[in-house]
Amino acid sequence: MGKFKKTLFSILGFVLILSSFTFATGSKAASASEKNVINSIQEYQDLLLATLKISNPQDEEQLENVVDQFNFKNAFNDKALTKYYVDSNSKTILPKVNNAKNELDIEKYIQSNVDIGQFTTHKLNENISVTFTNTPVYFIESTTEEETPQTSSDVEIAAAKYKNTKTYTHSYTAKNFLNMKLFTVKAKGYFQYNGSDVKPKLNDAWYTKGFLSIWQVSNWQKSTYKKGSNYAEVYGRGNFHFGLEINGYGLVVQDQYIKVYLTGNKKGTVNKKTSVK
């Protein structure tokens, strides 16, 4: 009888564990199926923007966390995504720039599309802005600043009455509605100025890739540029070749030139820019 009880308890224990596992698995499946399904570009943009405004992320890491949580609760309809690319016959990630002959100033490009109602830019705070396009791709510009540490050359700088600006890191990221980061480019640096001249100082410039099926970067350069006494740059730039396949629909951008940079003048004013061609 003792052996029978032990065997019975063992069987009951196994059934209980199996039932618990089945319930847990079923709960996970149910949670996945309970995601809010988004069927249009406008709906996705409106919901994401509302979430970002409420959360008010102060840096890129906080923003990424907010976006991840948003996409955990919401899902863009795969069929709607494929339908967009098929109907629009779009083969580029950044609209209407693949045939550009000249370097395209991103700020002017975005503003011109904002003016005609194609794009919308939303400044969440002093550090972060989000630009929604009329495609399932959106862009995040982020800027952080920090005090510039003193160096051994600061004595010479002081003698020439130069001052250091703060050190800025400017980043530009492209993401899509599947929560896939396509790429990020960054530049970090500062400027020395004295009211009659400006000197660029580069800390670093780099890029990171996202979840792409094709990825190649050529001619990546990080350097400084100076023109006259009132204009200087620190920059990172290169030719990006990347491709993404969505539900069997090939979406490829070939040899896209991307440049992220900071500019400074003799008065110590610093601007953050990105260009594409």
C-alpha atoms as a PDB file:
ATOM      1  CA  MET A   1       0.000   0.000   0.000  1.00  0.00           C
ATOM      2  CA  GLY A   2       2.936   2.333   0.861  1.00  0.00           C
ATOM      3  CA  LYS A   3       4.434   1.859  -2.603  1.00  0.00           C
ATOM      4  CA  PHE A   4       1.029   2.468  -4.200  1.00  0.00           C
ATOM      5  CA  LYS A   5       0.617   5.765  -2.279  1.00  0.00           C
ATOM      6  CA  LYS A   6       4.082   6.912  -3.312  1.00  0.00           C
ATOM      7  CA  THR A   7       3.362   6.037  -6.927  1.00  0.00           C
ATOM      8  CA  LEU A   8      -0.020   7.798  -6.785  1.00  0.00           C
ATOM      9  CA  PHE A   9       1.510  10.944  -5.258  1.00  0.00           C
ATOM     10  CA  SER A  10       4.251  10.900  -7.903  1.00  0.00           C
ATOM     11  CA  ILE A  11       1.680  10.683 -10.705  1.00  0.00           C
ATOM     12  CA  LEU A  12      -0.438  13.447  -9.158  1.00  0.00           C
ATOM     13  CA  GLY A  13       2.674  15.608  -8.732  1.00  0.00           C
ATOM     14  CA  PHE A  14       3.658  15.107 -12.368  1.00  0.00           C
ATOM     15  CA  VAL A  15       0.120  15.954 -13.536  1.00  0.00           C
ATOM     16  CA  LEU A  16       0.139  19.101 -11.371  1.00  0.00           C
ATOM     17  CA  ILE A  17       3.511  20.243 -12.775  1.00  0.00           C
ATOM     18  CA  LEU A  18       2.388  19.472 -16.331  1.00  0.00           C
ATOM     19  CA  SER A  19      -0.868  21.381 -15.766  1.00  0.00           C
ATOM     20  CA  SER A  20       1.046  24.360 -14.367  1.00  0.00           C
ATOM     21  CA  PHE A  21       3.396  24.350 -17.365  1.00  0.00           C
ATOM     22  CA  THR A  22       0.464  24.128 -19.784  1.00  0.00           C
ATOM     23  CA  PHE A  23      -1.308  26.988 -18.018  1.00  0.00           C
ATOM     24  CA  ALA A  24       1.831  29.142 -18.042  1.00  0.00           C
ATOM     25  CA  THR A  25       2.447  28.432 -21.719  1.00  0.00           C
ATOM     26  CA  GLY A  26      -1.169  29.144 -22.531  1.00  0.00           C
ATOM     27  CA  SER A  27      -0.987  32.402 -20.589  1.00  0.00           C
ATOM     28  CA  LYS A  28       2.052  33.509 -22.591  1.00  0.00           C
ATOM     29  CA  ALA A  29       0.319  32.658 -25.843  1.00  0.00           C
ATOM     30  CA  ALA A  30      -2.762  34.497 -24.683  1.00  0.00           C
ATOM     31  CA  SER A  31      -0.706  37.575 -23.716  1.00  0.00           C
ATOM     32  CA  ALA A  32       0.923  37.610 -27.152  1.00  0.00           C
ATOM     33  CA  SER A  33      -2.465  37.367 -28.829  1.00  0.00           C
ATOM     34  CA  GLU A  34      -3.828  40.135 -26.607  1.00  0.00           C
ATOM     35  CA  LYS A  35      -1.528  42.743 -28.142  1.00  0.00           C
ATOM     36  CA  ASN A  36      -3.300  45.726 -29.606  1.00  0.00           C
ATOM     37  CA  VAL A  37      -3.048  45.330 -33.395  1.00  0.00           C
ATOM     38  CA  ILE A  38      -2.396  48.579 -35.276  1.00  0.00           C
ATOM     39  CA  ASN A  39      -3.565  48.697 -38.883  1.00  0.00           C
ATOM     40  CA  SER A  40      -2.446  52.090 -40.176  1.00  0.00           C
ATOM     41  CA  ILE A  41       0.627  54.327 -40.201  1.00  0.00           C
ATOM     42  CA  GLN A  42      -1.304  57.229 -38.692  1.00  0.00           C
ATOM     43  CA  GLU A  43      -2.677  55.138 -35.840  1.00  0.00           C
ATOM     44  CA  TYR A  44       0.806  53.861 -34.953  1.00  0.00           C
ATOM     45  CA  GLN A  45       2.286  57.359 -35.009  1.00  0.00           C
ATOM     46  CA  ASP A  46      -0.515  58.855 -32.897  1.00  0.00           C
ATOM     47  CA  LEU A  47      -0.295  56.153 -30.227  1.00  0.00           C
ATOM     48  CA  LEU A  48       3.512  56.187 -30.066  1.00  0.00           C
ATOM     49  CA  LEU A  49       3.641  59.984 -29.859  1.00  0.00           C
ATOM     50  CA  ALA A  50       1.075  60.041 -27.043  1.00  0.00           C
ATOM     51  CA  THR A  51       3.143  57.449 -25.158  1.00  0.00           C
ATOM     52  CA  LEU A  52       6.377  59.410 -25.645  1.00  0.00           C
ATOM     53  CA  LYS A  53       4.797  62.665 -24.480  1.00  0.00           C
ATOM     54  CA  ILE A  54       3.489  61.038 -21.304  1.00  0.00           C
ATOM     55  CA  SER A  55       6.804  59.277 -20.567  1.00  0.00           C
ATOM     56  CA  ASN A  56       8.979  62.275 -21.555  1.00  0.00           C
ATOM     57  CA  PRO A  57      12.281  60.349 -21.945  1.00  0.00           C
ATOM     58  CA  GLN A  58      15.352  62.495 -21.248  1.00  0.00           C
ATOM     59  CA  ASP A  59      17.951  60.537 -23.175  1.00  0.00           C
ATOM     60  CA  GLU A  60      18.299  57.909 -25.881  1.00  0.00           C
ATOM     61  CA  GLU A  61      18.344  54.970 -23.458  1.00  0.00           C
ATOM     62  CA  GLN A  62      15.131  56.062 -21.767  1.00  0.00           C
ATOM     63  CA  LEU A  63      13.491  56.583 -25.147  1.00  0.00           C
ATOM     64  CA  GLU A  64      14.504  53.090 -26.296  1.00  0.00           C
ATOM     65  CA  ASN A  65      12.916  51.624 -23.163  1.00  0.00           C
ATOM     66  CA  VAL A  66       9.668  53.513 -23.780  1.00  0.00           C
ATOM     67  CA  VAL A  67       9.545  52.382 -27.421  1.00  0.00           C
ATOM     68  CA  ASP A  68      10.272  48.773 -26.413  1.00  0.00           C
ATOM     69  CA  GLN A  69       7.414  48.824 -23.894  1.00  0.00           C
ATOM     70  CA  PHE A  70       5.110  50.366 -26.492  1.00  0.00           C
ATOM     71  CA  ASN A  71       5.880  47.629 -29.002  1.00  0.00           C
ATOM     72  CA  PHE A  72       5.482  44.959 -26.316  1.00  0.00           C
ATOM     73  CA  LYS A  73       1.865  46.062 -25.915  1.00  0.00           C
ATOM     74  CA  ASN A  74       1.167  46.964 -29.555  1.00  0.00           C
ATOM     75  CA  ALA A  75       1.878  45.274 -32.882  1.00  0.00           C
ATOM     76  CA  PHE A  76       1.757  46.743 -36.378  1.00  0.00           C
ATOM     77  CA  ASN A  77      -0.199  44.516 -38.746  1.00  0.00           C
ATOM     78  CA  ASP A  78       2.294  42.589 -40.934  1.00  0.00           C
ATOM     79  CA  LYS A  79      -0.145  42.484 -43.838  1.00  0.00           C
ATOM     80  CA  ALA A  80      -0.670  46.247 -43.648  1.00  0.00           C
ATOM     81  CA  LEU A  81       3.100  46.755 -43.668  1.00  0.00           C
ATOM     82  CA  THR A  82       3.608  44.599 -46.752  1.00  0.00           C
ATOM     83  CA  LYS A  83       0.619  46.211 -48.459  1.00  0.00           C
ATOM     84  CA  TYR A  84       2.144  49.659 -47.957  1.00  0.00           C
ATOM     85  CA  TYR A  85       5.395  48.713 -49.710  1.00  0.00           C
ATOM     86  CA  VAL A  86       3.620  46.856 -52.512  1.00  0.00           C
ATOM     87  CA  ASP A  87       1.105  49.659 -53.155  1.00  0.00           C
ATOM     88  CA  SER A  88       3.675  52.463 -52.949  1.00  0.00           C
ATOM     89  CA  ASN A  89       6.356  50.483 -54.818  1.00  0.00           C
ATOM     90  CA  SER A  90       8.811  51.999 -52.344  1.00  0.00           C
ATOM     91  CA  LYS A  91      12.331  50.564 -52.372  1.00  0.00           C
ATOM     92  CA  THR A  92      14.042  53.029 -50.058  1.00  0.00           C
ATOM     93  CA  ILE A  93      14.194  53.569 -46.328  1.00  0.00           C
ATOM     94  CA  LEU A  94      14.428  57.361 -46.481  1.00  0.00           C
ATOM     95  CA  PRO A  95      11.797  58.553 -48.977  1.00  0.00           C
ATOM     96  CA  LYS A  96      12.806  60.303 -52.206  1.00  0.00           C
ATOM     97  CA  VAL A  97      16.534  60.640 -51.653  1.00  0.00           C
ATOM     98  CA  ASN A  98      18.037  57.597 -53.368  1.00  0.00           C
ATOM     99  CA  ASN A  99      18.591  59.503 -56.611  1.00  0.00           C
ATOM    100  CA  ALA A 100      19.788  62.739 -55.051  1.00  0.00           C
ATOM    101  CA  LYS A 101      22.871  64.070 -56.843  1.00  0.00           C
ATOM    102  CA  ASN A 102      23.909  66.423 -54.069  1.00  0.00           C
ATOM    103  CA  GLU A 103      24.270  66.044 -50.338  1.00  0.00           C
ATOM    104  CA  LEU A 104      20.905  66.494 -48.685  1.00  0.00           C
ATOM    105  CA  ASP A 105      20.625  68.587 -45.550  1.00  0.00           C
ATOM    106  CA  ILE A 106      18.349  66.515 -43.313  1.00  0.00           C
ATOM    107  CA  GLU A 107      16.975  69.543 -41.478  1.00  0.00           C
ATOM    108  CA  LYS A 108      15.944  71.266 -44.728  1.00  0.00           C
ATOM    109  CA  TYR A 109      14.703  67.978 -46.183  1.00  0.00           C
ATOM    110  CA  ILE A 110      12.519  67.291 -43.140  1.00  0.00           C
ATOM    111  CA  GLN A 111      11.264  70.869 -42.930  1.00  0.00           C
ATOM    112  CA  SER A 112      10.282  70.942 -46.610  1.00  0.00           C
ATOM    113  CA  ASN A 113       8.251  67.762 -46.112  1.00  0.00           C
ATOM    114  CA  VAL A 114       6.752  69.134 -42.900  1.00  0.00           C
ATOM    115  CA  ASP A 115       5.687  72.258 -44.803  1.00  0.00           C
ATOM    116  CA  ILE A 116       3.706  70.189 -47.307  1.00  0.00           C
ATOM    117  CA  GLY A 117       2.238  67.931 -44.639  1.00  0.00           C
ATOM    118  CA  GLN A 118       4.200  64.771 -45.491  1.00  0.00           C
ATOM    119  CA  PHE A 119       6.324  64.634 -42.325  1.00  0.00           C
ATOM    120  CA  THR A 120       5.801  65.791 -38.751  1.00  0.00           C
ATOM    121  CA  THR A 121       8.557  66.602 -36.262  1.00  0.00           C
ATOM    122  CA  HIS A 122       7.836  66.574 -32.543  1.00  0.00           C
ATOM    123  CA  LYS A 123      10.311  67.998 -30.055  1.00  0.00           C
ATOM    124  CA  LEU A 124       9.808  66.003 -26.871  1.00  0.00           C
ATOM    125  CA  ASN A 125      12.267  68.147 -24.893  1.00  0.00           C
ATOM    126  CA  GLU A 126      15.614  69.912 -25.325  1.00  0.00           C
ATOM    127  CA  ASN A 127      17.399  66.587 -25.848  1.00  0.00           C
ATOM    128  CA  ILE A 128      15.162  64.530 -28.124  1.00  0.00           C
ATOM    129  CA  SER A 129      12.987  65.000 -31.191  1.00  0.00           C
ATOM    130  CA  VAL A 130      11.077  62.436 -33.251  1.00  0.00           C
ATOM    131  CA  THR A 131      10.211  62.782 -36.934  1.00  0.00           C
ATOM    132  CA  PHE A 132       7.396  60.705 -38.396  1.00  0.00           C
ATOM    133  CA  THR A 133       7.422  60.290 -42.165  1.00  0.00           C
ATOM    134  CA  ASN A 134       4.616  59.133 -44.435  1.00  0.00           C
ATOM    135  CA  THR A 135       6.192  55.650 -44.345  1.00  0.00           C
ATOM    136  CA  PRO A 136       6.589  52.952 -41.647  1.00  0.00           C
ATOM    137  CA  VAL A 137       9.995  54.464 -40.776  1.00  0.00           C
ATOM    138  CA  TYR A 138      10.651  57.219 -38.259  1.00  0.00           C
ATOM    139  CA  PHE A 139      13.739  59.070 -37.073  1.00  0.00           C
ATOM    140  CA  ILE A 140      15.069  60.021 -33.674  1.00  0.00           C
ATOM    141  CA  GLU A 141      17.558  62.813 -33.083  1.00  0.00           C
ATOM    142  CA  SER A 142      19.188  62.898 -29.683  1.00  0.00           C
ATOM    143  CA  THR A 143      21.727  65.283 -28.172  1.00  0.00           C
ATOM    144  CA  THR A 144      23.538  65.036 -24.859  1.00  0.00           C
ATOM    145  CA  GLU A 145      25.960  67.532 -23.399  1.00  0.00           C
ATOM    146  CA  GLU A 146      28.607  67.364 -20.711  1.00  0.00           C
ATOM    147  CA  GLU A 147      31.313  69.581 -19.303  1.00  0.00           C
ATOM    148  CA  THR A 148      34.526  69.510 -21.340  1.00  0.00           C
ATOM    149  CA  PRO A 149      37.369  68.214 -19.140  1.00  0.00           C
ATOM    150  CA  GLN A 150      40.509  70.312 -18.861  1.00  0.00           C
ATOM    151  CA  THR A 151      43.645  69.188 -20.694  1.00  0.00           C
ATOM    152  CA  SER A 152      47.324  70.109 -20.550  1.00  0.00           C
ATOM    153  CA  SER A 153      46.815  72.434 -23.515  1.00  0.00           C
ATOM    154  CA  ASP A 154      44.325  74.563 -21.579  1.00  0.00           C
ATOM    155  CA  VAL A 155      47.167  76.865 -20.473  1.00  0.00           C
ATOM    156  CA  GLU A 156      47.877  77.719 -24.118  1.00  0.00           C
ATOM    157  CA  ILE A 157      44.153  78.105 -24.736  1.00  0.00           C
ATOM    158  CA  ALA A 158      43.835  80.538 -21.840  1.00  0.00           C
ATOM    159  CA  ALA A 159      46.842  82.521 -23.078  1.00  0.00           C
ATOM    160  CA  ALA A 160      45.161  82.928 -26.469  1.00  0.00           C
ATOM    161  CA  LYS A 161      41.881  83.735 -24.686  1.00  0.00           C
ATOM    162  CA  TYR A 162      40.127  80.672 -26.123  1.00  0.00           C
ATOM    163  CA  LYS A 163      37.263  79.072 -24.255  1.00  0.00           C
ATOM    164  CA  ASN A 164      35.886  75.552 -24.542  1.00  0.00           C
ATOM    165  CA  THR A 165      32.265  74.844 -25.371  1.00  0.00           C
ATOM    166  CA  LYS A 166      30.578  71.931 -23.673  1.00  0.00           C
ATOM    167  CA  THR A 167      31.144  68.509 -25.221  1.00  0.00           C
ATOM    168  CA  TYR A 168      28.173  67.368 -27.297  1.00  0.00           C
ATOM    169  CA  THR A 169      27.148  63.940 -28.564  1.00  0.00           C
ATOM    170  CA  HIS A 170      24.701  64.073 -31.455  1.00  0.00           C
ATOM    171  CA  SER A 171      23.001  60.905 -32.683  1.00  0.00           C
ATOM    172  CA  TYR A 172      20.615  60.103 -35.506  1.00  0.00           C
ATOM    173  CA  THR A 173      18.655  56.832 -35.500  1.00  0.00           C
ATOM    174  CA  ALA A 174      16.266  55.266 -38.003  1.00  0.00           C
ATOM    175  CA  LYS A 175      13.668  52.768 -36.739  1.00  0.00           C
ATOM    176  CA  ASN A 176      10.617  51.091 -38.232  1.00  0.00           C
ATOM    177  CA  PHE A 177       7.212  49.984 -37.001  1.00  0.00           C
ATOM    178  CA  LEU A 178       8.460  46.446 -36.323  1.00  0.00           C
ATOM    179  CA  ASN A 179      10.665  48.017 -33.616  1.00  0.00           C
ATOM    180  CA  MET A 180      13.744  47.301 -35.694  1.00  0.00           C
ATOM    181  CA  LYS A 181      16.612  49.748 -35.414  1.00  0.00           C
ATOM    182  CA  LEU A 182      17.965  50.234 -38.930  1.00  0.00           C
ATOM    183  CA  PHE A 183      21.042  52.244 -38.020  1.00  0.00           C
ATOM    184  CA  THR A 184      22.476  54.859 -35.661  1.00  0.00           C
ATOM    185  CA  VAL A 185      25.235  57.364 -36.438  1.00  0.00           C
ATOM    186  CA  LYS A 186      26.896  59.531 -33.786  1.00  0.00           C
ATOM    187  CA  ALA A 187      29.447  62.324 -33.486  1.00  0.00           C
ATOM    188  CA  LYS A 188      31.019  63.639 -30.282  1.00  0.00           C
ATOM    189  CA  GLY A 189      33.152  66.726 -29.884  1.00  0.00           C
ATOM    190  CA  TYR A 190      33.544  70.318 -28.752  1.00  0.00           C
ATOM    191  CA  PHE A 191      34.906  73.660 -29.984  1.00  0.00           C
ATOM    192  CA  GLN A 192      37.409  76.242 -28.799  1.00  0.00           C
ATOM    193  CA  TYR A 193      36.498  79.864 -29.529  1.00  0.00           C
ATOM    194  CA  ASN A 194      37.656  83.390 -28.670  1.00  0.00           C
ATOM    195  CA  GLY A 195      35.298  85.717 -30.505  1.00  0.00           C
ATOM    196  CA  SER A 196      37.497  85.959 -33.588  1.00  0.00           C
ATOM    197  CA  ASP A 197      38.310  82.308 -34.327  1.00  0.00           C
ATOM    198  CA  VAL A 198      37.035  78.759 -33.735  1.00  0.00           C
ATOM    199  CA  LYS A 199      38.823  75.384 -33.525  1.00  0.00           C
ATOM    200  CA  PRO A 200      37.053  71.990 -33.856  1.00  0.00           C
ATOM    201  CA  LYS A 201      37.944  69.181 -31.436  1.00  0.00           C
ATOM    202  CA  LEU A 202      36.720  65.666 -32.252  1.00  0.00           C
ATOM    203  CA  ASN A 203      36.297  63.073 -29.508  1.00  0.00           C
ATOM    204  CA  ASP A 204      34.858  60.317 -31.706  1.00  0.00           C
ATOM    205  CA  ALA A 205      32.330  59.467 -34.413  1.00  0.00           C
ATOM    206  CA  TRP A 206      30.827  56.027 -34.934  1.00  0.00           C
ATOM    207  CA  TYR A 207      27.905  54.005 -36.246  1.00  0.00           C
ATOM    208  CA  THR A 208      25.963  50.942 -35.146  1.00  0.00           C
ATOM    209  CA  LYS A 209      23.878  48.669 -37.310  1.00  0.00           C
ATOM    210  CA  GLY A 210      20.438  47.300 -36.654  1.00  0.00           C
ATOM    211  CA  PHE A 211      18.605  44.117 -37.612  1.00  0.00           C
ATOM    212  CA  LEU A 212      19.294  44.206 -41.326  1.00  0.00           C
ATOM    213  CA  SER A 213      19.759  41.351 -43.771  1.00  0.00           C
ATOM    214  CA  ILE A 214      22.455  43.265 -45.658  1.00  0.00           C
ATOM    215  CA  TRP A 215      24.934  45.602 -44.046  1.00  0.00           C
ATOM    216  CA  GLN A 216      28.088  47.206 -45.328  1.00  0.00           C
ATOM    217  CA  VAL A 217      29.778  50.540 -44.670  1.00  0.00           C
ATOM    218  CA  SER A 218      32.597  51.876 -46.812  1.00  0.00           C
ATOM    219  CA  ASN A 219      34.757  54.993 -46.630  1.00  0.00           C
ATOM    220  CA  TRP A 220      33.846  55.710 -43.020  1.00  0.00           C
ATOM    221  CA  GLN A 221      35.625  58.864 -41.910  1.00  0.00           C
ATOM    222  CA  LYS A 222      35.715  60.758 -38.631  1.00  0.00           C
ATOM    223  CA  SER A 223      37.496  64.073 -38.639  1.00  0.00           C
ATOM    224  CA  THR A 224      37.238  67.858 -38.375  1.00  0.00           C
ATOM    225  CA  TYR A 225      36.790  70.613 -40.933  1.00  0.00           C
ATOM    226  CA  LYS A 226      37.423  74.352 -40.722  1.00  0.00           C
ATOM    227  CA  LYS A 227      36.476  77.089 -43.163  1.00  0.00           C
ATOM    228  CA  GLY A 228      37.696  80.584 -42.400  1.00  0.00           C
ATOM    229  CA  SER A 229      37.581  81.861 -38.845  1.00  0.00           C
ATOM    230  CA  ASN A 230      33.859  81.470 -38.175  1.00  0.00           C
ATOM    231  CA  TYR A 231      32.944  77.903 -39.181  1.00  0.00           C
ATOM    232  CA  ALA A 232      34.179  74.513 -37.993  1.00  0.00           C
ATOM    233  CA  GLU A 233      32.874  70.936 -37.965  1.00  0.00           C
ATOM    234  CA  VAL A 234      33.448  67.649 -36.189  1.00  0.00           C
ATOM    235  CA  TYR A 235      31.888  64.794 -38.130  1.00  0.00           C
ATOM    236  CA  GLY A 236      31.483  61.144 -38.979  1.00  0.00           C
ATOM    237  CA  ARG A 237      30.432  60.091 -42.474  1.00  0.00           C
ATOM    238  CA  GLY A 238      30.384  57.108 -44.803  1.00  0.00           C
ATOM    239  CA  ASN A 239      28.593  55.212 -47.558  1.00  0.00           C
ATOM    240  CA  PHE A 240      26.015  52.814 -46.148  1.00  0.00           C
ATOM    241  CA  HIS A 241      24.654  49.877 -48.106  1.00  0.00           C
ATOM    242  CA  PHE A 242      21.856  48.137 -46.282  1.00  0.00           C
ATOM    243  CA  GLY A 243      18.849  46.053 -47.104  1.00  0.00           C
ATOM    244  CA  LEU A 244      15.790  44.776 -45.326  1.00  0.00           C
ATOM    245  CA  GLU A 245      13.273  42.170 -46.415  1.00  0.00           C
ATOM    246  CA  ILE A 246       9.734  42.456 -45.048  1.00  0.00           C
ATOM    247  CA  ASN A 247       7.478  39.430 -45.574  1.00  0.00           C
ATOM    248  CA  GLY A 248       9.262  38.548 -48.791  1.00  0.00           C
ATOM    249  CA  TYR A 249       9.190  42.114 -50.095  1.00  0.00           C
ATOM    250  CA  GLY A 250      12.739  43.316 -50.723  1.00  0.00           C
ATOM    251  CA  LEU A 251      13.500  46.808 -49.450  1.00  0.00           C
ATOM    252  CA  VAL A 252      17.025  47.928 -50.284  1.00  0.00           C
ATOM    253  CA  VAL A 253      18.973  51.154 -50.095  1.00  0.00           C
ATOM    254  CA  GLN A 254      22.255  51.157 -51.982  1.00  0.00           C
ATOM    255  CA  ASP A 255      25.239  53.376 -51.242  1.00  0.00           C
ATOM    256  CA  GLN A 256      23.388  55.869 -49.081  1.00  0.00           C
ATOM    257  CA  TYR A 257      25.745  58.627 -47.929  1.00  0.00           C
ATOM    258  CA  ILE A 258      25.110  59.590 -44.310  1.00  0.00           C
ATOM    259  CA  LYS A 259      26.882  62.296 -42.344  1.00  0.00           C
ATOM    260  CA  VAL A 260      26.329  63.294 -38.730  1.00  0.00           C
ATOM    261  CA  TYR A 261      28.100  66.391 -37.490  1.00  0.00           C
ATOM    262  CA  LEU A 262      28.387  69.297 -35.093  1.00  0.00           C
ATOM    263  CA  THR A 263      29.193  72.834 -36.212  1.00  0.00           C
ATOM    264  CA  GLY A 264      30.664  75.660 -34.153  1.00  0.00           C
ATOM    265  CA  ASN A 265      31.422  79.338 -34.709  1.00  0.00           C
ATOM    266  CA  LYS A 266      33.721  81.983 -33.197  1.00  0.00           C
ATOM    267  CA  LYS A 267      31.038  82.972 -30.666  1.00  0.00           C
ATOM    268  CA  GLY A 268      30.824  79.443 -29.262  1.00  0.00           C
ATOM    269  CA  THR A 269      27.441  78.591 -30.777  1.00  0.00           C
ATOM    270  CA  VAL A 270      27.107  74.850 -31.495  1.00  0.00           C
ATOM    271  CA  ASN A 271      24.572  73.296 -33.888  1.00  0.00           C
ATOM    272  CA  LYS A 272      23.761  69.622 -34.444  1.00  0.00           C
ATOM    273  CA  LYS A 273      23.161  68.381 -37.977  1.00  0.00           C
ATOM    274  CA  THR A 274      22.699  65.266 -40.118  1.00  0.00           C
ATOM    275  CA  SER A 275      22.826  64.959 -43.890  1.00  0.00           C
ATOM    276  CA  VAL A 276      22.007  62.187 -46.347  1.00  0.00           C
ATOM    277  CA  LYS A 277      22.371  61.732 -50.077  1.00  0.00           C
END
